[in-house]
Amino acid sequence: MEITREQVGSTLIFKLSGKLDTYNAPKLEDEIKKGLDGVKELYWDFSELEYMTSAGIRELLIANNMLGDDGYMKVLHANEAIKNALYLTGLDDLTGE
């Protein structure tokens, strides 16, 4: 899995490509834990993400918790399988392009 992190002001975009699974999730968690200080809007660009397991869902929840109540998080360009996983876990409000 490849991770690109781009921050402009209070907006952060993570672009993921490949597979977000149990093997790769710690790499993403390290990126998240580098900090979300000053981030008010967090976007996940999944245009090149093939699939995501429950380990990926966990990472989204960690990031959302770190943002707090004042933050905004959205998943962009997710394929149908990922949208379905988000729907089944009650996180479908993160999509909506």
C-alpha atoms as a PDB file:
ATOM      1  CA  MET A   1       0.000   0.000   0.000  1.00  0.00           C
ATOM      2  CA  GLU A   2       1.213   3.477  -0.848  1.00  0.00           C
ATOM      3  CA  ILE A   3       0.209   6.508   1.219  1.00  0.00           C
ATOM      4  CA  THR A   4       0.452  10.101   0.090  1.00  0.00           C
ATOM      5  CA  ARG A   5      -0.112  12.813   2.661  1.00  0.00           C
ATOM      6  CA  GLU A   6      -0.828  16.365   1.518  1.00  0.00           C
ATOM      7  CA  GLN A   7      -1.705  19.180   3.887  1.00  0.00           C
ATOM      8  CA  VAL A   8      -2.767  22.688   2.939  1.00  0.00           C
ATOM      9  CA  GLY A   9      -3.648  24.820   5.917  1.00  0.00           C
ATOM     10  CA  SER A  10      -6.182  22.996   8.047  1.00  0.00           C
ATOM     11  CA  THR A  11      -7.054  20.494   5.285  1.00  0.00           C
ATOM     12  CA  LEU A  12      -5.300  17.123   5.075  1.00  0.00           C
ATOM     13  CA  ILE A  13      -5.691  14.600   2.269  1.00  0.00           C
ATOM     14  CA  PHE A  14      -4.548  11.003   2.542  1.00  0.00           C
ATOM     15  CA  LYS A  15      -4.409   9.249  -0.829  1.00  0.00           C
ATOM     16  CA  LEU A  16      -4.150   5.473  -0.552  1.00  0.00           C
ATOM     17  CA  SER A  17      -3.367   2.980  -3.280  1.00  0.00           C
ATOM     18  CA  GLY A  18      -3.262  -0.795  -3.147  1.00  0.00           C
ATOM     19  CA  LYS A  19      -4.791  -2.796  -0.318  1.00  0.00           C
ATOM     20  CA  LEU A  20      -5.599  -1.619   3.191  1.00  0.00           C
ATOM     21  CA  ASP A  21      -5.539  -4.790   5.250  1.00  0.00           C
ATOM     22  CA  THR A  22      -4.156  -6.121   8.532  1.00  0.00           C
ATOM     23  CA  TYR A  23      -0.652  -6.208   7.095  1.00  0.00           C
ATOM     24  CA  ASN A  24      -0.694  -2.575   5.887  1.00  0.00           C
ATOM     25  CA  ALA A  25      -2.861  -0.925   8.556  1.00  0.00           C
ATOM     26  CA  PRO A  26       0.054  -0.232  10.959  1.00  0.00           C
ATOM     27  CA  LYS A  27       1.744   1.817   8.230  1.00  0.00           C
ATOM     28  CA  LEU A  28      -1.357   3.990   7.962  1.00  0.00           C
ATOM     29  CA  GLU A  29      -1.664   4.228  11.731  1.00  0.00           C
ATOM     30  CA  ASP A  30       1.902   5.557  11.876  1.00  0.00           C
ATOM     31  CA  GLU A  31       0.954   8.259   9.355  1.00  0.00           C
ATOM     32  CA  ILE A  32      -2.149   9.176  11.350  1.00  0.00           C
ATOM     33  CA  LYS A  33      -0.185   9.323  14.588  1.00  0.00           C
ATOM     34  CA  LYS A  34       2.317  11.729  13.023  1.00  0.00           C
ATOM     35  CA  GLY A  35      -0.367  14.112  13.986  1.00  0.00           C
ATOM     36  CA  LEU A  36      -3.540  15.818  13.009  1.00  0.00           C
ATOM     37  CA  ASP A  37      -2.725  19.019  14.900  1.00  0.00           C
ATOM     38  CA  GLY A  38      -4.467  21.940  13.272  1.00  0.00           C
ATOM     39  CA  VAL A  39      -6.395  19.682  10.891  1.00  0.00           C
ATOM     40  CA  LYS A  40     -10.073  20.584  10.635  1.00  0.00           C
ATOM     41  CA  GLU A  41     -10.892  18.733   7.403  1.00  0.00           C
ATOM     42  CA  LEU A  42      -9.587  15.252   6.640  1.00  0.00           C
ATOM     43  CA  TYR A  43     -10.217  13.662   3.264  1.00  0.00           C
ATOM     44  CA  TRP A  44      -9.458  10.099   2.226  1.00  0.00           C
ATOM     45  CA  ASP A  45      -8.881   9.698  -1.506  1.00  0.00           C
ATOM     46  CA  PHE A  46      -9.612   6.038  -2.231  1.00  0.00           C
ATOM     47  CA  SER A  47      -9.553   6.346  -6.034  1.00  0.00           C
ATOM     48  CA  GLU A  48      -6.648   3.866  -6.195  1.00  0.00           C
ATOM     49  CA  LEU A  49      -7.524   1.715  -3.172  1.00  0.00           C
ATOM     50  CA  GLU A  50      -8.479  -1.804  -4.261  1.00  0.00           C
ATOM     51  CA  TYR A  51     -10.031  -3.005  -1.014  1.00  0.00           C
ATOM     52  CA  MET A  52     -10.157  -2.401   2.709  1.00  0.00           C
ATOM     53  CA  THR A  53     -10.622  -4.872   5.545  1.00  0.00           C
ATOM     54  CA  SER A  54     -11.879  -4.197   9.064  1.00  0.00           C
ATOM     55  CA  ALA A  55      -8.334  -3.143   9.964  1.00  0.00           C
ATOM     56  CA  GLY A  56      -8.792  -0.201   7.607  1.00  0.00           C
ATOM     57  CA  ILE A  57     -12.125   0.680   9.184  1.00  0.00           C
ATOM     58  CA  ARG A  58     -10.320   0.772  12.526  1.00  0.00           C
ATOM     59  CA  GLU A  59      -7.811   3.285  11.149  1.00  0.00           C
ATOM     60  CA  LEU A  60     -10.619   5.534   9.910  1.00  0.00           C
ATOM     61  CA  LEU A  61     -12.150   5.438  13.396  1.00  0.00           C
ATOM     62  CA  ILE A  62      -8.816   6.293  15.014  1.00  0.00           C
ATOM     63  CA  ALA A  63      -8.423   9.302  12.717  1.00  0.00           C
ATOM     64  CA  ASN A  64     -11.992  10.404  13.327  1.00  0.00           C
ATOM     65  CA  ASN A  65     -11.494  10.228  17.086  1.00  0.00           C
ATOM     66  CA  MET A  66      -8.283  12.231  16.825  1.00  0.00           C
ATOM     67  CA  LEU A  67     -10.096  14.949  14.856  1.00  0.00           C
ATOM     68  CA  GLY A  68     -12.633  15.382  17.605  1.00  0.00           C
ATOM     69  CA  ASP A  69     -16.024  17.032  17.424  1.00  0.00           C
ATOM     70  CA  ASP A  70     -14.779  20.092  15.556  1.00  0.00           C
ATOM     71  CA  GLY A  71     -13.283  18.078  12.694  1.00  0.00           C
ATOM     72  CA  TYR A  72     -14.787  16.909   9.419  1.00  0.00           C
ATOM     73  CA  MET A  73     -13.848  13.667   7.679  1.00  0.00           C
ATOM     74  CA  LYS A  74     -14.942  12.382   4.269  1.00  0.00           C
ATOM     75  CA  VAL A  75     -14.068   9.412   2.034  1.00  0.00           C
ATOM     76  CA  LEU A  76     -13.800  10.245  -1.664  1.00  0.00           C
ATOM     77  CA  HIS A  77     -13.802   8.041  -4.763  1.00  0.00           C
ATOM     78  CA  ALA A  78     -14.365   4.723  -2.962  1.00  0.00           C
ATOM     79  CA  ASN A  79     -15.256   1.694  -5.055  1.00  0.00           C
ATOM     80  CA  GLU A  80     -18.505  -0.205  -4.436  1.00  0.00           C
ATOM     81  CA  ALA A  81     -16.890  -2.854  -2.198  1.00  0.00           C
ATOM     82  CA  ILE A  82     -15.443  -0.201   0.104  1.00  0.00           C
ATOM     83  CA  LYS A  83     -18.697   1.767   0.127  1.00  0.00           C
ATOM     84  CA  ASN A  84     -20.496  -1.437   1.076  1.00  0.00           C
ATOM     85  CA  ALA A  85     -18.054  -2.118   3.945  1.00  0.00           C
ATOM     86  CA  LEU A  86     -18.591   1.414   5.219  1.00  0.00           C
ATOM     87  CA  TYR A  87     -22.347   0.963   4.944  1.00  0.00           C
ATOM     88  CA  LEU A  88     -22.282  -2.332   6.858  1.00  0.00           C
ATOM     89  CA  THR A  89     -20.300  -0.746   9.679  1.00  0.00           C
ATOM     90  CA  GLY A  90     -22.500   2.324   9.910  1.00  0.00           C
ATOM     91  CA  LEU A  91     -19.895   4.647   8.431  1.00  0.00           C
ATOM     92  CA  ASP A  92     -21.661   5.290   5.135  1.00  0.00           C
ATOM     93  CA  ASP A  93     -22.110   8.935   6.116  1.00  0.00           C
ATOM     94  CA  LEU A  94     -18.392   9.307   5.333  1.00  0.00           C
ATOM     95  CA  THR A  95     -19.107   8.819   1.638  1.00  0.00           C
ATOM     96  CA  GLY A  96     -21.332  10.866  -0.564  1.00  0.00           C
ATOM     97  CA  GLU A  97     -19.494  12.365  -3.429  1.00  0.00           C
END
